[in-house]
Amino acid sequence: MQTLKRVNIYSDGACSGNQNDNNIGGWGVMLEMGNHTKKIYGGELNTTNNKMELTAVLEGLKALKRYNIKVNIYSDSAYVINGLSNKWYEKWEKNGWKTSQKKPVENKQLWQEIITIIRKLSNVSFFHIKGHLDINNNSEVSKWKSKFISSYGQISDEQFNELIHKNIIVDKLANMGMDKYRN
């Protein structure tokens, strides 16, 4: 039996002036398969942070060349990771894309595009990582590593520090996506 190849998708979204009518959003993604990495980013005007977080995941998924692989998605967005791992979308679909408060689901189109791709994948897992974590702050790193372990299982210090580093990379990519709109 052939072992599935694994792709890690690290994603981040950002929005400057999130609650204002005129704001700048960006998203960044790093895909990793073995020793190969691919970095992509983009941005848009008049958006939201949640939309950029979802766009980052979607762009990472759209960059996949095949679906018979194992995919790990890492994001610092609890909104995205909880929505996917807890399958909030299944209730939304049953309720005609309405929330439990009977309001339309925000970012419906992005959710639908992500779900369409995820349902094609052989194996997909979701991991929430703490964003903007200072790798030099040992007490904060230790606290968030413990939370990660309680949610997903054992991870070495080196592996956790590598996740922090990759989150910093995609955060920088998201900011590069915003840069083309800055004056």
N, C-alpha and C. Protein backbone atom coordinates (compact mmCIF):
# COMPACT_ATOMS: atom_id res chain seq x y z
N MET A 1 0.84 -1.18 0.00
CA MET A 1 0.00 0.00 0.00
C MET A 1 0.88 1.25 0.00
N GLN A 2 0.54 2.20 -0.84
CA GLN A 2 1.32 3.42 -0.97
C GLN A 2 0.96 4.41 0.14
N THR A 3 1.99 5.02 0.74
CA THR A 3 1.78 6.03 1.76
C THR A 3 1.40 7.35 1.09
N LEU A 4 0.41 8.02 1.67
CA LEU A 4 0.00 9.32 1.12
C LEU A 4 1.09 10.35 1.34
N LYS A 5 1.34 11.15 0.33
CA LYS A 5 2.27 12.28 0.49
C LYS A 5 1.57 13.32 1.35
N ARG A 6 2.37 14.12 2.07
CA ARG A 6 1.80 15.12 2.97
C ARG A 6 2.19 16.52 2.54
N VAL A 7 1.19 17.39 2.53
CA VAL A 7 1.41 18.81 2.27
C VAL A 7 0.95 19.58 3.50
N ASN A 8 1.81 20.45 4.00
CA ASN A 8 1.45 21.35 5.09
C ASN A 8 1.12 22.71 4.48
N ILE A 9 -0.01 23.26 4.89
CA ILE A 9 -0.41 24.59 4.45
C ILE A 9 -0.42 25.49 5.68
N TYR A 10 0.43 26.51 5.67
CA TYR A 10 0.48 27.50 6.73
C TYR A 10 -0.18 28.76 6.17
N SER A 11 -1.15 29.31 6.87
CA SER A 11 -1.90 30.43 6.31
C SER A 11 -2.12 31.52 7.35
N ASP A 12 -2.25 32.75 6.83
CA ASP A 12 -2.56 33.87 7.70
C ASP A 12 -3.24 34.96 6.90
N GLY A 13 -4.13 35.67 7.56
CA GLY A 13 -4.80 36.83 6.97
C GLY A 13 -4.59 38.02 7.87
N ALA A 14 -4.69 39.20 7.29
CA ALA A 14 -4.50 40.42 8.07
C ALA A 14 -5.38 41.51 7.49
N CYS A 15 -5.76 42.44 8.33
CA CYS A 15 -6.55 43.57 7.88
C CYS A 15 -6.20 44.78 8.72
N SER A 16 -5.78 45.84 8.07
CA SER A 16 -5.47 47.09 8.75
C SER A 16 -6.69 48.00 8.64
N GLY A 17 -7.21 48.42 9.78
CA GLY A 17 -8.43 49.22 9.77
C GLY A 17 -9.66 48.37 9.58
N ASN A 18 -9.67 47.20 10.21
CA ASN A 18 -10.71 46.17 10.00
C ASN A 18 -12.14 46.71 10.12
N GLN A 19 -12.40 47.62 11.02
CA GLN A 19 -13.77 48.10 11.24
C GLN A 19 -14.10 49.35 10.43
N ASN A 20 -13.17 49.82 9.61
CA ASN A 20 -13.39 51.03 8.81
C ASN A 20 -13.84 50.68 7.41
N ASP A 21 -14.52 51.61 6.76
CA ASP A 21 -14.96 51.39 5.39
C ASP A 21 -13.79 51.27 4.42
N ASN A 22 -12.77 52.05 4.64
CA ASN A 22 -11.59 52.01 3.78
C ASN A 22 -10.46 51.34 4.54
N ASN A 23 -10.24 50.08 4.23
CA ASN A 23 -9.19 49.34 4.90
C ASN A 23 -8.38 48.55 3.88
N ILE A 24 -7.33 47.92 4.37
CA ILE A 24 -6.44 47.14 3.52
C ILE A 24 -6.33 45.75 4.12
N GLY A 25 -6.52 44.74 3.30
CA GLY A 25 -6.39 43.37 3.76
C GLY A 25 -5.32 42.63 2.99
N GLY A 26 -4.75 41.63 3.62
CA GLY A 26 -3.75 40.79 2.97
C GLY A 26 -3.82 39.37 3.47
N TRP A 27 -3.32 38.47 2.67
CA TRP A 27 -3.27 37.06 3.05
C TRP A 27 -1.94 36.48 2.58
N GLY A 28 -1.46 35.49 3.32
CA GLY A 28 -0.21 34.82 2.97
C GLY A 28 -0.32 33.34 3.23
N VAL A 29 0.35 32.57 2.38
CA VAL A 29 0.31 31.11 2.47
C VAL A 29 1.69 30.54 2.16
N MET A 30 2.06 29.53 2.90
CA MET A 30 3.25 28.75 2.56
C MET A 30 2.83 27.29 2.50
N LEU A 31 3.10 26.67 1.37
CA LEU A 31 2.85 25.25 1.21
C LEU A 31 4.19 24.54 1.32
N GLU A 32 4.17 23.39 1.96
CA GLU A 32 5.39 22.64 2.20
C GLU A 32 5.14 21.17 1.93
N MET A 33 5.95 20.59 1.05
CA MET A 33 5.89 19.14 0.81
C MET A 33 7.32 18.64 0.76
N GLY A 34 7.71 17.91 1.79
CA GLY A 34 9.10 17.48 1.89
C GLY A 34 10.02 18.69 1.97
N ASN A 35 11.00 18.75 1.08
CA ASN A 35 11.95 19.87 1.05
C ASN A 35 11.49 21.01 0.15
N HIS A 36 10.32 20.89 -0.44
CA HIS A 36 9.82 21.90 -1.37
C HIS A 36 8.85 22.84 -0.66
N THR A 37 8.99 24.13 -0.91
CA THR A 37 8.06 25.12 -0.36
C THR A 37 7.61 26.06 -1.48
N LYS A 38 6.41 26.57 -1.31
CA LYS A 38 5.86 27.56 -2.23
C LYS A 38 5.19 28.62 -1.38
N LYS A 39 5.51 29.88 -1.65
CA LYS A 39 4.93 30.99 -0.91
C LYS A 39 4.09 31.83 -1.86
N ILE A 40 2.88 32.15 -1.44
CA ILE A 40 2.00 33.00 -2.23
C ILE A 40 1.32 34.01 -1.30
N TYR A 41 0.95 35.14 -1.86
CA TYR A 41 0.28 36.16 -1.06
C TYR A 41 -0.51 37.08 -1.98
N GLY A 42 -1.40 37.83 -1.36
CA GLY A 42 -2.20 38.80 -2.09
C GLY A 42 -2.92 39.70 -1.12
N GLY A 43 -3.72 40.60 -1.66
CA GLY A 43 -4.45 41.51 -0.79
C GLY A 43 -5.62 42.12 -1.52
N GLU A 44 -6.39 42.89 -0.80
CA GLU A 44 -7.50 43.62 -1.39
C GLU A 44 -7.92 44.76 -0.48
N LEU A 45 -8.66 45.66 -1.06
CA LEU A 45 -9.18 46.80 -0.32
C LEU A 45 -10.57 46.48 0.21
N ASN A 46 -10.95 47.18 1.29
CA ASN A 46 -12.31 47.11 1.83
C ASN A 46 -12.75 45.67 2.09
N THR A 47 -12.09 45.04 3.01
CA THR A 47 -12.33 43.64 3.31
C THR A 47 -12.43 43.48 4.82
N THR A 48 -12.33 42.26 5.31
CA THR A 48 -12.32 41.99 6.74
C THR A 48 -11.20 41.02 7.06
N ASN A 49 -10.83 40.97 8.32
CA ASN A 49 -9.80 40.02 8.75
C ASN A 49 -10.25 38.59 8.49
N ASN A 50 -11.50 38.26 8.84
CA ASN A 50 -11.99 36.89 8.63
C ASN A 50 -11.96 36.50 7.16
N LYS A 51 -12.32 37.43 6.30
CA LYS A 51 -12.29 37.14 4.86
C LYS A 51 -10.86 36.85 4.41
N MET A 52 -9.90 37.59 4.92
CA MET A 52 -8.50 37.37 4.54
C MET A 52 -7.99 36.03 5.09
N GLU A 53 -8.41 35.68 6.32
CA GLU A 53 -8.02 34.38 6.88
C GLU A 53 -8.55 33.23 6.02
N LEU A 54 -9.82 33.34 5.61
CA LEU A 54 -10.42 32.32 4.75
C LEU A 54 -9.77 32.30 3.37
N THR A 55 -9.49 33.47 2.82
CA THR A 55 -8.85 33.55 1.51
C THR A 55 -7.49 32.87 1.53
N ALA A 56 -6.75 33.05 2.61
CA ALA A 56 -5.44 32.41 2.72
C ALA A 56 -5.57 30.89 2.63
N VAL A 57 -6.50 30.32 3.38
CA VAL A 57 -6.71 28.87 3.34
C VAL A 57 -7.15 28.44 1.95
N LEU A 58 -8.08 29.17 1.37
CA LEU A 58 -8.58 28.82 0.04
C LEU A 58 -7.46 28.86 -1.00
N GLU A 59 -6.65 29.91 -0.98
CA GLU A 59 -5.56 30.01 -1.96
C GLU A 59 -4.55 28.88 -1.77
N GLY A 60 -4.31 28.49 -0.52
CA GLY A 60 -3.43 27.35 -0.28
C GLY A 60 -4.01 26.07 -0.86
N LEU A 61 -5.29 25.85 -0.65
CA LEU A 61 -5.95 24.65 -1.19
C LEU A 61 -5.98 24.67 -2.71
N LYS A 62 -6.22 25.84 -3.30
CA LYS A 62 -6.26 25.95 -4.76
C LYS A 62 -4.89 25.69 -5.39
N ALA A 63 -3.84 25.86 -4.63
CA ALA A 63 -2.49 25.63 -5.14
C ALA A 63 -2.11 24.15 -5.19
N LEU A 64 -2.93 23.29 -4.56
CA LEU A 64 -2.65 21.85 -4.59
C LEU A 64 -2.77 21.33 -6.01
N LYS A 65 -1.89 20.42 -6.37
CA LYS A 65 -1.91 19.85 -7.71
C LYS A 65 -2.72 18.56 -7.78
N ARG A 66 -2.95 17.95 -6.62
CA ARG A 66 -3.74 16.71 -6.57
C ARG A 66 -4.41 16.59 -5.21
N TYR A 67 -5.33 15.64 -5.12
CA TYR A 67 -6.12 15.50 -3.90
C TYR A 67 -5.87 14.20 -3.14
N ASN A 68 -5.16 13.25 -3.73
CA ASN A 68 -4.91 11.99 -3.03
C ASN A 68 -3.66 12.12 -2.15
N ILE A 69 -3.73 13.12 -1.26
CA ILE A 69 -2.63 13.45 -0.37
C ILE A 69 -3.18 13.74 1.02
N LYS A 70 -2.27 13.75 1.98
CA LYS A 70 -2.62 14.17 3.34
C LYS A 70 -2.29 15.66 3.43
N VAL A 71 -3.25 16.45 3.92
CA VAL A 71 -3.05 17.89 4.03
C VAL A 71 -3.24 18.31 5.49
N ASN A 72 -2.28 19.02 6.01
CA ASN A 72 -2.37 19.64 7.33
C ASN A 72 -2.49 21.14 7.12
N ILE A 73 -3.54 21.73 7.67
CA ILE A 73 -3.75 23.18 7.55
C ILE A 73 -3.50 23.81 8.92
N TYR A 74 -2.59 24.78 8.94
CA TYR A 74 -2.23 25.50 10.15
C TYR A 74 -2.66 26.95 9.99
N SER A 75 -3.37 27.48 10.98
CA SER A 75 -3.82 28.87 10.94
C SER A 75 -3.89 29.41 12.36
N ASP A 76 -3.68 30.72 12.49
CA ASP A 76 -3.84 31.33 13.81
C ASP A 76 -5.26 31.87 13.98
N SER A 77 -6.15 31.55 13.05
CA SER A 77 -7.54 31.98 13.13
C SER A 77 -8.42 30.89 13.75
N ALA A 78 -8.88 31.13 14.97
CA ALA A 78 -9.79 30.18 15.61
C ALA A 78 -11.09 30.06 14.80
N TYR A 79 -11.53 31.17 14.23
CA TYR A 79 -12.73 31.19 13.38
C TYR A 79 -12.61 30.17 12.25
N VAL A 80 -11.51 30.17 11.55
CA VAL A 80 -11.31 29.25 10.42
C VAL A 80 -11.14 27.82 10.91
N ILE A 81 -10.24 27.61 11.86
CA ILE A 81 -9.95 26.25 12.32
C ILE A 81 -11.16 25.62 12.98
N ASN A 82 -11.86 26.35 13.85
CA ASN A 82 -13.06 25.79 14.48
C ASN A 82 -14.16 25.53 13.46
N GLY A 83 -14.33 26.43 12.51
CA GLY A 83 -15.35 26.23 11.48
C GLY A 83 -15.10 24.99 10.65
N LEU A 84 -13.84 24.68 10.40
CA LEU A 84 -13.50 23.50 9.60
C LEU A 84 -13.44 22.23 10.43
N SER A 85 -12.72 22.26 11.54
CA SER A 85 -12.56 21.03 12.32
C SER A 85 -13.86 20.61 13.01
N ASN A 86 -14.67 21.58 13.41
CA ASN A 86 -15.96 21.26 14.04
C ASN A 86 -17.10 21.17 13.04
N LYS A 87 -16.76 21.36 11.78
CA LYS A 87 -17.71 21.24 10.66
C LYS A 87 -18.96 22.10 10.87
N TRP A 88 -18.75 23.34 11.26
CA TRP A 88 -19.87 24.27 11.39
C TRP A 88 -20.66 24.34 10.09
N TYR A 89 -19.96 24.20 8.99
CA TYR A 89 -20.58 24.33 7.67
C TYR A 89 -21.68 23.29 7.43
N GLU A 90 -21.61 22.15 8.08
CA GLU A 90 -22.66 21.15 7.89
C GLU A 90 -24.00 21.67 8.41
N LYS A 91 -23.98 22.33 9.56
CA LYS A 91 -25.22 22.93 10.10
C LYS A 91 -25.67 24.09 9.22
N TRP A 92 -24.71 24.89 8.75
CA TRP A 92 -25.06 26.01 7.88
C TRP A 92 -25.74 25.51 6.61
N GLU A 93 -25.20 24.45 6.03
CA GLU A 93 -25.81 23.89 4.82
C GLU A 93 -27.23 23.42 5.09
N LYS A 94 -27.42 22.71 6.19
CA LYS A 94 -28.76 22.22 6.55
C LYS A 94 -29.73 23.36 6.80
N ASN A 95 -29.22 24.49 7.32
CA ASN A 95 -30.06 25.65 7.64
C ASN A 95 -30.14 26.66 6.50
N GLY A 96 -29.79 26.24 5.27
CA GLY A 96 -29.84 27.16 4.15
C GLY A 96 -28.83 28.29 4.26
N TRP A 97 -27.65 27.97 4.78
CA TRP A 97 -26.56 28.91 4.98
C TRP A 97 -26.98 30.07 5.89
N LYS A 98 -27.64 29.67 6.98
CA LYS A 98 -27.99 30.61 8.05
C LYS A 98 -27.30 30.13 9.33
N THR A 99 -26.95 31.09 10.17
CA THR A 99 -26.35 30.77 11.47
C THR A 99 -27.44 30.29 12.42
N SER A 100 -27.04 29.89 13.61
CA SER A 100 -28.03 29.47 14.61
C SER A 100 -28.92 30.64 15.03
N GLN A 101 -28.46 31.87 14.77
CA GLN A 101 -29.27 33.06 15.04
C GLN A 101 -30.11 33.46 13.83
N LYS A 102 -30.16 32.58 12.84
CA LYS A 102 -30.97 32.77 11.61
C LYS A 102 -30.46 33.92 10.73
N LYS A 103 -29.19 34.28 10.89
CA LYS A 103 -28.59 35.31 10.06
C LYS A 103 -27.78 34.64 8.95
N PRO A 104 -27.65 35.30 7.80
CA PRO A 104 -26.83 34.72 6.73
C PRO A 104 -25.38 34.52 7.18
N VAL A 105 -24.80 33.40 6.79
CA VAL A 105 -23.40 33.12 7.11
C VAL A 105 -22.52 34.11 6.35
N GLU A 106 -21.63 34.76 7.09
CA GLU A 106 -20.70 35.68 6.44
C GLU A 106 -19.65 34.89 5.67
N ASN A 107 -19.22 35.44 4.57
CA ASN A 107 -18.19 34.82 3.72
C ASN A 107 -18.62 33.47 3.15
N LYS A 108 -19.90 33.34 2.89
CA LYS A 108 -20.49 32.08 2.41
C LYS A 108 -19.74 31.52 1.20
N GLN A 109 -19.46 32.36 0.22
CA GLN A 109 -18.81 31.87 -0.99
C GLN A 109 -17.43 31.28 -0.70
N LEU A 110 -16.66 31.95 0.17
CA LEU A 110 -15.34 31.43 0.53
C LEU A 110 -15.45 30.10 1.25
N TRP A 111 -16.37 30.02 2.22
CA TRP A 111 -16.60 28.76 2.93
C TRP A 111 -16.96 27.65 1.93
N GLN A 112 -17.85 27.94 1.00
CA GLN A 112 -18.29 26.92 0.04
C GLN A 112 -17.14 26.44 -0.84
N GLU A 113 -16.30 27.36 -1.29
CA GLU A 113 -15.15 26.97 -2.11
C GLU A 113 -14.17 26.11 -1.32
N ILE A 114 -13.91 26.49 -0.08
CA ILE A 114 -13.00 25.71 0.77
C ILE A 114 -13.57 24.31 0.99
N ILE A 115 -14.83 24.24 1.33
CA ILE A 115 -15.48 22.95 1.62
C ILE A 115 -15.46 22.04 0.41
N THR A 116 -15.69 22.60 -0.76
CA THR A 116 -15.67 21.80 -2.00
C THR A 116 -14.32 21.12 -2.17
N ILE A 117 -13.24 21.85 -1.93
CA ILE A 117 -11.91 21.26 -2.08
C ILE A 117 -11.63 20.27 -0.96
N ILE A 118 -11.98 20.62 0.27
CA ILE A 118 -11.71 19.73 1.41
C ILE A 118 -12.40 18.38 1.23
N ARG A 119 -13.59 18.40 0.69
CA ARG A 119 -14.33 17.14 0.48
C ARG A 119 -13.68 16.26 -0.58
N LYS A 120 -12.81 16.81 -1.39
CA LYS A 120 -12.10 16.04 -2.42
C LYS A 120 -10.82 15.40 -1.87
N LEU A 121 -10.34 15.92 -0.75
CA LEU A 121 -9.06 15.46 -0.22
C LEU A 121 -9.18 14.09 0.45
N SER A 122 -8.12 13.31 0.32
CA SER A 122 -8.09 11.99 0.94
C SER A 122 -8.04 12.08 2.46
N ASN A 123 -7.30 13.07 2.97
CA ASN A 123 -7.07 13.16 4.40
C ASN A 123 -6.69 14.60 4.72
N VAL A 124 -7.44 15.25 5.58
CA VAL A 124 -7.13 16.64 5.94
C VAL A 124 -7.28 16.84 7.44
N SER A 125 -6.34 17.57 8.03
CA SER A 125 -6.37 17.89 9.45
C SER A 125 -6.16 19.39 9.62
N PHE A 126 -6.69 19.91 10.72
CA PHE A 126 -6.66 21.35 10.98
C PHE A 126 -6.00 21.61 12.33
N PHE A 127 -5.13 22.62 12.37
CA PHE A 127 -4.38 22.94 13.58
C PHE A 127 -4.40 24.44 13.83
N HIS A 128 -4.84 24.81 15.03
CA HIS A 128 -4.81 26.22 15.42
C HIS A 128 -3.50 26.48 16.13
N ILE A 129 -2.80 27.51 15.67
CA ILE A 129 -1.55 27.91 16.32
C ILE A 129 -1.68 29.36 16.76
N LYS A 130 -1.03 29.69 17.82
CA LYS A 130 -1.09 31.05 18.36
C LYS A 130 -0.33 31.98 17.44
N GLY A 131 -0.97 33.05 17.02
CA GLY A 131 -0.32 34.04 16.17
C GLY A 131 0.47 35.05 16.98
N HIS A 132 1.44 35.66 16.33
CA HIS A 132 2.24 36.75 16.91
C HIS A 132 2.90 36.34 18.23
N LEU A 133 3.39 35.13 18.27
CA LEU A 133 4.05 34.62 19.47
C LEU A 133 5.55 34.89 19.36
N ASP A 134 6.10 35.49 20.39
CA ASP A 134 7.53 35.80 20.44
C ASP A 134 8.29 34.55 20.87
N ILE A 135 9.05 34.00 19.96
CA ILE A 135 9.78 32.76 20.22
C ILE A 135 10.78 32.91 21.37
N ASN A 136 11.15 34.15 21.70
CA ASN A 136 12.10 34.39 22.79
C ASN A 136 11.43 34.51 24.15
N ASN A 137 10.11 34.53 24.19
CA ASN A 137 9.38 34.62 25.46
C ASN A 137 9.03 33.20 25.91
N ASN A 138 9.93 32.60 26.68
CA ASN A 138 9.81 31.19 27.03
C ASN A 138 8.51 30.84 27.76
N SER A 139 8.04 31.71 28.64
CA SER A 139 6.82 31.39 29.38
C SER A 139 5.61 31.39 28.46
N GLU A 140 5.53 32.33 27.52
CA GLU A 140 4.43 32.35 26.56
C GLU A 140 4.49 31.14 25.62
N VAL A 141 5.69 30.83 25.13
CA VAL A 141 5.86 29.69 24.24
C VAL A 141 5.45 28.41 24.96
N SER A 142 5.88 28.26 26.19
CA SER A 142 5.55 27.06 26.98
C SER A 142 4.04 26.95 27.19
N LYS A 143 3.40 28.06 27.51
CA LYS A 143 1.94 28.08 27.72
C LYS A 143 1.20 27.63 26.46
N TRP A 144 1.57 28.20 25.32
CA TRP A 144 0.87 27.87 24.08
C TRP A 144 1.24 26.50 23.55
N LYS A 145 2.45 26.04 23.84
CA LYS A 145 2.82 24.66 23.47
C LYS A 145 1.96 23.68 24.26
N SER A 146 1.75 23.94 25.54
CA SER A 146 0.89 23.07 26.36
C SER A 146 -0.53 23.03 25.82
N LYS A 147 -1.05 24.18 25.40
CA LYS A 147 -2.40 24.21 24.81
C LYS A 147 -2.45 23.42 23.51
N PHE A 148 -1.40 23.55 22.69
CA PHE A 148 -1.33 22.82 21.44
C PHE A 148 -1.32 21.31 21.71
N ILE A 149 -0.50 20.90 22.68
CA ILE A 149 -0.42 19.47 23.03
C ILE A 149 -1.76 18.96 23.53
N SER A 150 -2.46 19.74 24.34
CA SER A 150 -3.75 19.26 24.87
C SER A 150 -4.79 19.12 23.75
N SER A 151 -4.63 19.87 22.68
CA SER A 151 -5.57 19.78 21.56
C SER A 151 -5.18 18.74 20.53
N TYR A 152 -3.87 18.61 20.25
CA TYR A 152 -3.44 17.81 19.11
C TYR A 152 -2.46 16.68 19.42
N GLY A 153 -1.93 16.63 20.61
CA GLY A 153 -0.97 15.59 20.95
C GLY A 153 0.44 16.12 21.04
N GLN A 154 1.34 15.23 21.37
CA GLN A 154 2.73 15.57 21.66
C GLN A 154 3.42 16.25 20.49
N ILE A 155 4.27 17.23 20.83
CA ILE A 155 5.11 17.93 19.86
C ILE A 155 6.37 18.35 20.60
N SER A 156 7.51 18.22 19.93
CA SER A 156 8.77 18.60 20.57
C SER A 156 8.91 20.12 20.59
N ASP A 157 9.83 20.60 21.43
CA ASP A 157 10.12 22.04 21.47
C ASP A 157 10.56 22.52 20.09
N GLU A 158 11.43 21.75 19.46
CA GLU A 158 11.94 22.12 18.14
C GLU A 158 10.80 22.21 17.11
N GLN A 159 9.92 21.24 17.12
CA GLN A 159 8.79 21.24 16.17
C GLN A 159 7.85 22.42 16.44
N PHE A 160 7.59 22.70 17.71
CA PHE A 160 6.69 23.81 18.04
C PHE A 160 7.33 25.14 17.65
N ASN A 161 8.61 25.29 17.91
CA ASN A 161 9.31 26.51 17.51
C ASN A 161 9.29 26.69 16.00
N GLU A 162 9.35 25.58 15.27
CA GLU A 162 9.27 25.64 13.81
C GLU A 162 7.88 26.11 13.36
N LEU A 163 6.83 25.67 14.05
CA LEU A 163 5.48 26.15 13.74
C LEU A 163 5.37 27.66 13.97
N ILE A 164 5.95 28.13 15.08
CA ILE A 164 5.95 29.57 15.36
C ILE A 164 6.66 30.32 14.23
N HIS A 165 7.81 29.81 13.83
CA HIS A 165 8.59 30.43 12.77
C HIS A 165 7.79 30.50 11.46
N LYS A 166 7.11 29.43 11.12
CA LYS A 166 6.33 29.40 9.87
C LYS A 166 5.13 30.32 9.95
N ASN A 167 4.55 30.48 11.13
CA ASN A 167 3.46 31.42 11.30
C ASN A 167 3.95 32.86 11.11
N ILE A 168 5.15 33.13 11.57
CA ILE A 168 5.75 34.45 11.37
C ILE A 168 5.97 34.71 9.88
N ILE A 169 6.40 33.68 9.15
CA ILE A 169 6.62 33.82 7.70
C ILE A 169 5.32 34.18 6.99
N VAL A 170 4.23 33.45 7.29
CA VAL A 170 2.97 33.74 6.58
C VAL A 170 2.36 35.06 7.03
N ASP A 171 2.63 35.47 8.25
CA ASP A 171 2.20 36.80 8.70
C ASP A 171 2.90 37.87 7.86
N LYS A 172 4.20 37.69 7.62
CA LYS A 172 4.95 38.64 6.79
C LYS A 172 4.42 38.63 5.36
N LEU A 173 4.07 37.46 4.85
CA LEU A 173 3.50 37.37 3.50
C LEU A 173 2.17 38.13 3.42
N ALA A 174 1.33 37.98 4.45
CA ALA A 174 0.05 38.70 4.47
C ALA A 174 0.29 40.21 4.47
N ASN A 175 1.31 40.65 5.20
CA ASN A 175 1.64 42.07 5.20
C ASN A 175 2.19 42.52 3.85
N MET A 176 2.90 41.65 3.15
CA MET A 176 3.34 41.98 1.80
C MET A 176 2.14 42.13 0.87
N GLY A 177 1.10 41.33 1.09
CA GLY A 177 -0.12 41.45 0.31
C GLY A 177 -0.79 42.79 0.52
N MET A 178 -0.70 43.33 1.72
CA MET A 178 -1.27 44.64 2.02
C MET A 178 -0.40 45.77 1.47
N ASP A 179 0.91 45.54 1.37
CA ASP A 179 1.83 46.60 1.00
C ASP A 179 1.51 47.24 -0.35
N LYS A 180 1.01 46.47 -1.30
CA LYS A 180 0.77 47.06 -2.62
C LYS A 180 -0.39 48.07 -2.60
N TYR A 181 -1.15 48.09 -1.50
CA TYR A 181 -2.26 49.04 -1.39
C TYR A 181 -1.95 50.23 -0.47
N ARG A 182 -0.82 50.17 0.19
CA ARG A 182 -0.43 51.26 1.09
C ARG A 182 0.06 52.45 0.27
N ASN A 183 -0.19 53.65 0.76
CA ASN A 183 0.29 54.87 0.05
C ASN A 183 1.73 55.15 0.37
